[in-house]
């Protein structure tokens, strides 16, 4: 099945594949941060990701690289979808556990749905969708309480959670820009250039803020870096294709990201020896997952009525 096929299950299958790839990032980032500074690590990762995609879009690279409209679009997407999103993400992940990071990122569909409601005229919230937002907010509140916010360690993690949420807001605008300008340029090429631009800006920022890197280049770190680079190249390319498909709404597509907190937290608990599940953490994860599932159910019923 090709990415452009109009098979009825093509969109959900590809969305699930992308989200499963993203769910492996939390444990990988937490492991890699033991060897590298956050912004420098992010910058190198996304520059490599962009270079990985270039061979698959090489035929259209020279046709579009000189177009001002393409450069402008790639710069905007690279700013929101890579530079700001992952700048906040990597800094936030230095302050929270891998499992908690996965759960917070799992609230992305709620934030993106709210942002799309404000910005896009054809992607509005209804009463059931709004109710799902409140359930998701309850989940975030429960997660906040599970971090013991009255302690110094708790305050540190609360600040990390705020950074992650700022990254999600930036990601929402990145998704909207890709969807709004659908069909203008090939999604693989657009993704390759925006990843490289975002990674390059992160690298320059790391040199100014973190100084010249002195990393421990072990084989484990290099394998982690390559895997994280690959999953970003693959997942973002799939996502850009889906965002540019006719009839796909930003809020409804992003509902599939409920898979990310579940598998991301499970992988962190399995792979990172210093992390384990807690009752409040599990309850918060259930609330966030329930909210996006409820959101998805409401959009399906609306689609059935239209059809």
Protein backbone atom coordinates (compact mmCIF):
# COMPACT_ATOMS: atom_id res chain seq x y z
CA UNK A 1 0.00 0.00 0.00
CA UNK A 2 1.41 3.34 -1.05
CA UNK A 3 1.28 6.44 1.13
CA UNK A 4 -0.96 8.16 -1.41
CA UNK A 5 -3.50 5.34 -1.70
CA UNK A 6 -7.09 6.26 -0.81
CA UNK A 7 -7.66 2.98 1.04
CA UNK A 8 -10.11 3.66 3.92
CA UNK A 9 -7.68 2.32 6.52
CA UNK A 10 -4.54 3.94 5.08
CA UNK A 11 -4.71 7.06 7.27
CA UNK A 12 -5.22 5.31 10.64
CA UNK A 13 -2.63 2.62 9.88
CA UNK A 14 0.03 5.16 8.91
CA UNK A 15 -0.89 7.40 11.86
CA UNK A 16 -0.46 4.48 14.28
CA UNK A 17 2.92 3.58 12.76
CA UNK A 18 4.13 7.19 13.17
CA UNK A 19 2.91 7.35 16.78
CA UNK A 20 4.53 4.03 17.69
CA UNK A 21 7.82 5.36 16.32
CA UNK A 22 7.45 8.57 18.37
CA UNK A 23 6.66 6.59 21.52
CA UNK A 24 10.18 5.13 21.51
CA UNK A 25 11.75 8.61 21.66
CA UNK A 26 11.25 9.28 25.38
CA UNK A 27 13.41 6.44 26.66
CA UNK A 28 15.96 7.16 23.89
CA UNK A 29 16.18 10.86 24.73
CA UNK A 30 16.51 10.21 28.46
CA UNK A 31 19.30 7.71 27.75
CA UNK A 32 21.11 9.99 25.30
CA UNK A 33 21.00 12.97 27.67
CA UNK A 34 23.38 11.06 29.95
CA UNK A 35 26.09 11.60 27.34
CA UNK A 36 25.22 14.93 25.64
CA UNK A 37 23.87 18.41 26.32
CA UNK A 38 20.15 18.79 25.44
CA UNK A 39 20.17 21.46 22.71
CA UNK A 40 23.29 20.12 21.01
CA UNK A 41 21.90 16.59 21.12
CA UNK A 42 18.62 17.77 19.55
CA UNK A 43 20.39 19.82 16.88
CA UNK A 44 22.63 17.00 15.64
CA UNK A 45 19.71 14.55 15.72
CA UNK A 46 17.47 16.62 13.46
CA UNK A 47 20.21 17.62 11.04
CA UNK A 48 20.90 13.90 10.56
CA UNK A 49 17.14 13.27 10.18
CA UNK A 50 16.89 15.86 7.42
CA UNK A 51 19.86 14.39 5.57
CA UNK A 52 18.30 10.90 5.81
CA UNK A 53 15.23 12.06 3.85
CA UNK A 54 17.07 13.99 1.11
CA UNK A 55 17.71 10.89 -1.08
CA UNK A 56 13.93 10.25 -1.19
CA UNK A 57 13.19 13.81 -2.36
CA UNK A 58 16.32 14.56 -4.36
CA UNK A 59 14.40 14.74 -7.65
CA UNK A 60 12.39 17.77 -6.46
CA UNK A 61 15.12 19.42 -4.36
CA UNK A 62 16.63 21.59 -7.09
CA UNK A 63 13.19 22.42 -8.51
CA UNK A 64 12.03 24.04 -5.27
CA UNK A 65 15.10 25.06 -3.26
CA UNK A 66 15.32 28.38 -5.15
CA UNK A 67 11.64 29.28 -4.69
CA UNK A 68 11.07 31.99 -2.10
CA UNK A 69 7.66 30.52 -1.18
CA UNK A 70 9.24 27.14 -0.43
CA UNK A 71 12.06 28.62 1.69
CA UNK A 72 9.60 30.79 3.60
CA UNK A 73 7.29 27.83 4.31
CA UNK A 74 10.20 25.58 5.35
CA UNK A 75 11.53 28.28 7.69
CA UNK A 76 8.16 28.72 9.40
CA UNK A 77 7.67 24.97 9.84
CA UNK A 78 11.26 24.48 10.95
CA UNK A 79 10.79 27.24 13.53
CA UNK A 80 7.63 25.82 15.11
CA UNK A 81 7.84 22.08 14.35
CA UNK A 82 11.53 21.50 15.11
CA UNK A 83 13.41 24.43 16.66
CA UNK A 84 10.85 25.59 19.25
CA UNK A 85 9.09 22.25 19.78
CA UNK A 86 12.24 20.26 20.40
CA UNK A 87 14.12 23.06 22.12
CA UNK A 88 11.37 23.05 24.76
CA UNK A 89 11.13 19.24 24.61
CA UNK A 90 14.80 18.50 25.25
CA UNK A 91 15.09 21.11 28.00
CA UNK A 92 11.90 19.77 29.60
CA UNK A 93 13.10 16.17 29.41
CA UNK A 94 16.15 17.07 31.50
CA UNK A 95 13.72 17.92 34.32
CA UNK A 96 11.11 15.14 34.13
CA UNK A 97 11.13 11.36 33.87
CA UNK A 98 10.75 9.62 30.54
CA UNK A 99 7.35 8.22 31.53
CA UNK A 100 6.03 11.61 32.67
CA UNK A 101 7.31 13.22 29.47
CA UNK A 102 5.43 10.62 27.42
CA UNK A 103 2.22 11.33 29.33
CA UNK A 104 2.47 15.10 28.90
CA UNK A 105 3.19 14.76 25.19
CA UNK A 106 0.13 12.49 25.07
CA UNK A 107 -2.03 15.55 25.72
CA UNK A 108 -0.94 16.98 22.36
CA UNK A 109 -4.25 16.13 20.61
CA UNK A 110 -6.13 18.28 23.13
CA UNK A 111 -3.84 21.29 22.72
CA UNK A 112 -3.74 20.94 18.93
CA UNK A 113 -7.56 20.61 18.78
CA UNK A 114 -7.99 23.80 20.78
CA UNK A 115 -5.45 25.67 18.65
CA UNK A 116 -7.05 24.44 15.41
CA UNK A 117 -10.45 25.57 16.71
CA UNK A 118 -9.11 29.11 17.09
CA UNK A 119 -7.09 29.31 13.87
CA UNK A 120 -8.93 27.13 11.31
CA UNK A 121 -12.48 27.88 10.19
CA UNK A 122 -13.28 24.27 9.23
CA UNK A 123 -11.94 22.51 12.34
CA UNK A 124 -14.17 23.67 15.19
CA UNK A 125 -14.84 22.12 18.59
CA UNK A 126 -18.30 20.93 19.62
CA UNK A 127 -19.70 20.17 23.09
CA UNK A 128 -18.39 16.60 23.21
CA UNK A 129 -14.95 17.62 21.99
CA UNK A 130 -14.83 20.36 24.62
CA UNK A 131 -15.78 17.86 27.32
CA UNK A 132 -12.88 15.66 26.24
CA UNK A 133 -10.56 18.65 26.70
CA UNK A 134 -11.66 19.02 30.33
CA UNK A 135 -11.06 15.31 30.97
CA UNK A 136 -7.58 15.70 29.55
CA UNK A 137 -6.92 18.75 31.73
CA UNK A 138 -7.95 16.65 34.76
CA UNK A 139 -5.34 14.10 33.72
CA UNK A 140 -2.64 16.77 33.58
CA UNK A 141 -3.70 18.06 37.03
CA UNK A 142 -3.45 14.53 38.44
CA UNK A 143 -0.01 14.14 36.89
CA UNK A 144 0.98 17.44 38.48
CA UNK A 145 -0.13 16.22 41.91
CA UNK A 146 1.81 12.98 41.41
CA UNK A 147 5.01 15.06 41.12
CA UNK A 148 4.70 16.32 44.76
CA UNK A 149 4.72 20.02 43.72
CA UNK A 150 5.44 21.31 47.22
CA UNK A 151 8.96 19.83 47.21
CA UNK A 152 11.96 21.29 45.40
CA UNK A 153 12.17 18.19 43.19
CA UNK A 154 8.46 18.53 42.47
CA UNK A 155 8.79 22.18 41.47
CA UNK A 156 11.63 21.22 39.13
CA UNK A 157 9.41 18.67 37.39
CA UNK A 158 6.48 21.10 37.24
CA UNK A 159 8.74 23.55 35.38
CA UNK A 160 9.76 20.72 33.04
CA UNK A 161 6.09 19.95 32.38
CA UNK A 162 5.47 23.63 31.52
CA UNK A 163 8.33 23.53 29.01
CA UNK A 164 6.86 20.42 27.38
CA UNK A 165 3.43 22.07 27.11
CA UNK A 166 5.02 25.15 25.48
CA UNK A 167 6.56 22.79 22.94
CA UNK A 168 3.13 21.25 22.24
CA UNK A 169 1.65 24.67 21.53
CA UNK A 170 4.45 25.32 19.02
CA UNK A 171 3.81 21.90 17.47
CA UNK A 172 0.13 22.77 17.05
CA UNK A 173 1.03 25.81 14.95
CA UNK A 174 3.48 23.68 12.94
CA UNK A 175 0.74 21.14 12.16
CA UNK A 176 -1.65 23.89 11.12
CA UNK A 177 0.92 25.48 8.77
CA UNK A 178 1.56 22.13 7.05
CA UNK A 179 -2.17 21.42 6.70
CA UNK A 180 -3.05 24.93 5.54
CA UNK A 181 -0.45 24.89 2.76
CA UNK A 182 -1.20 21.33 1.67
CA UNK A 183 -0.34 20.26 -1.89
CA UNK A 184 2.06 23.17 -2.41
CA UNK A 185 5.22 21.07 -2.12
CA UNK A 186 6.22 17.41 -1.79
CA UNK A 187 5.90 16.44 1.92
CA UNK A 188 9.21 14.52 2.00
CA UNK A 189 11.17 17.47 0.64
CA UNK A 190 9.41 19.93 2.95
CA UNK A 191 10.09 17.69 5.94
CA UNK A 192 13.76 17.16 5.04
CA UNK A 193 14.48 20.88 4.71
CA UNK A 194 12.53 21.95 7.80
CA UNK A 195 14.22 19.27 9.94
CA UNK A 196 17.66 20.33 8.78
CA UNK A 197 16.89 24.04 9.29
CA UNK A 198 15.46 23.41 12.76
CA UNK A 199 18.39 21.17 13.70
CA UNK A 200 20.92 23.70 12.43
CA UNK A 201 19.31 26.50 14.49
CA UNK A 202 19.29 24.25 17.57
CA UNK A 203 22.99 23.51 17.03
CA UNK A 204 23.85 27.22 16.77
CA UNK A 205 21.81 27.92 19.92
CA UNK A 206 23.58 25.12 21.78
CA UNK A 207 26.99 26.59 20.90
CA UNK A 208 25.90 29.98 22.28
CA UNK A 209 24.22 28.58 25.41
CA UNK A 210 26.00 25.31 26.17
CA UNK A 211 29.41 25.98 24.64
CA UNK A 212 31.53 23.61 22.58
CA UNK A 213 30.22 20.07 23.16
CA UNK A 214 32.32 17.49 25.01
CA UNK A 215 30.30 14.35 24.53
CA UNK A 216 31.02 10.76 25.45
CA UNK A 217 30.75 9.10 22.03
CA UNK A 218 30.11 5.53 23.15
CA UNK A 219 28.64 2.96 20.80
CA UNK A 220 25.42 2.99 22.87
CA UNK A 221 25.07 6.76 22.44
CA UNK A 222 25.75 6.63 18.69
CA UNK A 223 23.16 3.87 18.22
CA UNK A 224 20.65 5.89 20.24
CA UNK A 225 21.37 9.00 18.14
CA UNK A 226 20.94 7.08 14.88
CA UNK A 227 17.66 5.51 16.03
CA UNK A 228 16.25 8.86 17.18
CA UNK A 229 17.29 10.44 13.87
CA UNK A 230 15.67 7.64 11.88
CA UNK A 231 12.39 7.68 13.80
CA UNK A 232 12.08 11.45 13.34
CA UNK A 233 12.76 11.18 9.62
CA UNK A 234 10.22 8.37 9.19
CA UNK A 235 7.49 9.58 11.57
CA UNK A 236 7.51 13.22 10.46
CA UNK A 237 7.51 12.22 6.77
CA UNK A 238 4.46 10.01 7.34
CA UNK A 239 2.75 12.78 9.33
CA UNK A 240 3.41 15.44 6.68
CA UNK A 241 1.92 13.14 4.03
CA UNK A 242 -1.20 12.62 6.15
CA UNK A 243 -1.58 16.32 6.98
CA UNK A 244 -1.52 17.13 3.26
CA UNK A 245 -4.18 14.56 2.32
CA UNK A 246 -7.50 16.12 1.25
CA UNK A 247 -10.22 15.84 3.90
CA UNK A 248 -7.83 15.17 6.80
CA UNK A 249 -8.42 17.58 9.69
CA UNK A 250 -5.59 18.57 12.02
CA UNK A 251 -7.50 17.89 15.24
CA UNK A 252 -8.87 14.52 14.16
CA UNK A 253 -5.55 13.21 12.84
CA UNK A 254 -3.71 14.18 16.02
CA UNK A 255 -6.15 12.16 18.14
CA UNK A 256 -4.15 9.09 17.17
CA UNK A 257 -1.34 10.41 19.34
CA UNK A 258 -3.11 8.90 22.37
CA UNK A 259 -0.94 5.86 21.61
CA UNK A 260 2.20 7.83 22.46
CA UNK A 261 1.77 8.27 26.26
CA UNK A 262 0.75 4.64 26.75
CA UNK A 263 3.63 3.03 24.86
CA UNK A 264 6.10 5.79 25.72
CA UNK A 265 5.50 5.35 29.45
CA UNK A 266 5.61 1.56 29.21
CA UNK A 267 8.90 1.63 27.33
CA UNK A 268 10.41 4.07 29.85
CA UNK A 269 9.37 1.85 32.75
CA UNK A 270 10.79 -1.21 30.97
CA UNK A 271 14.06 0.26 29.65
CA UNK A 272 15.08 2.85 32.26
CA UNK A 273 16.09 1.23 35.57
CA UNK A 274 15.31 4.27 37.74
CA UNK A 275 11.69 4.66 36.57
CA UNK A 276 8.60 2.77 37.73
CA UNK A 277 4.82 3.32 37.56
CA UNK A 278 2.85 5.10 40.31
CA UNK A 279 -0.89 5.02 41.03
CA UNK A 280 -1.47 8.74 40.31
CA UNK A 281 0.68 8.56 37.19
CA UNK A 282 -1.39 5.66 35.88
CA UNK A 283 -4.64 7.46 36.74
CA UNK A 284 -3.48 10.62 34.94
CA UNK A 285 -2.49 8.55 31.90
CA UNK A 286 -5.92 6.88 31.90
CA UNK A 287 -7.67 10.29 32.02
CA UNK A 288 -5.61 11.67 29.12
CA UNK A 289 -6.13 8.54 27.04
CA UNK A 290 -9.87 8.48 27.85
CA UNK A 291 -10.22 12.12 26.83
CA UNK A 292 -8.71 11.63 23.40
CA UNK A 293 -10.63 8.40 22.85
CA UNK A 294 -13.83 10.25 23.71
CA UNK A 295 -12.77 12.99 21.27
CA UNK A 296 -12.18 10.40 18.56
CA UNK A 297 -15.59 8.79 19.21
CA UNK A 298 -17.36 12.15 18.86
CA UNK A 299 -15.65 12.89 15.53
CA UNK A 300 -16.52 9.43 14.19
CA UNK A 301 -20.21 9.85 15.06
CA UNK A 302 -20.22 13.25 13.37
CA UNK A 303 -18.63 11.75 10.25
CA UNK A 304 -21.16 8.92 10.19
CA UNK A 305 -24.03 11.42 10.32
CA UNK A 306 -22.55 13.41 7.46
CA UNK A 307 -22.08 10.30 5.33
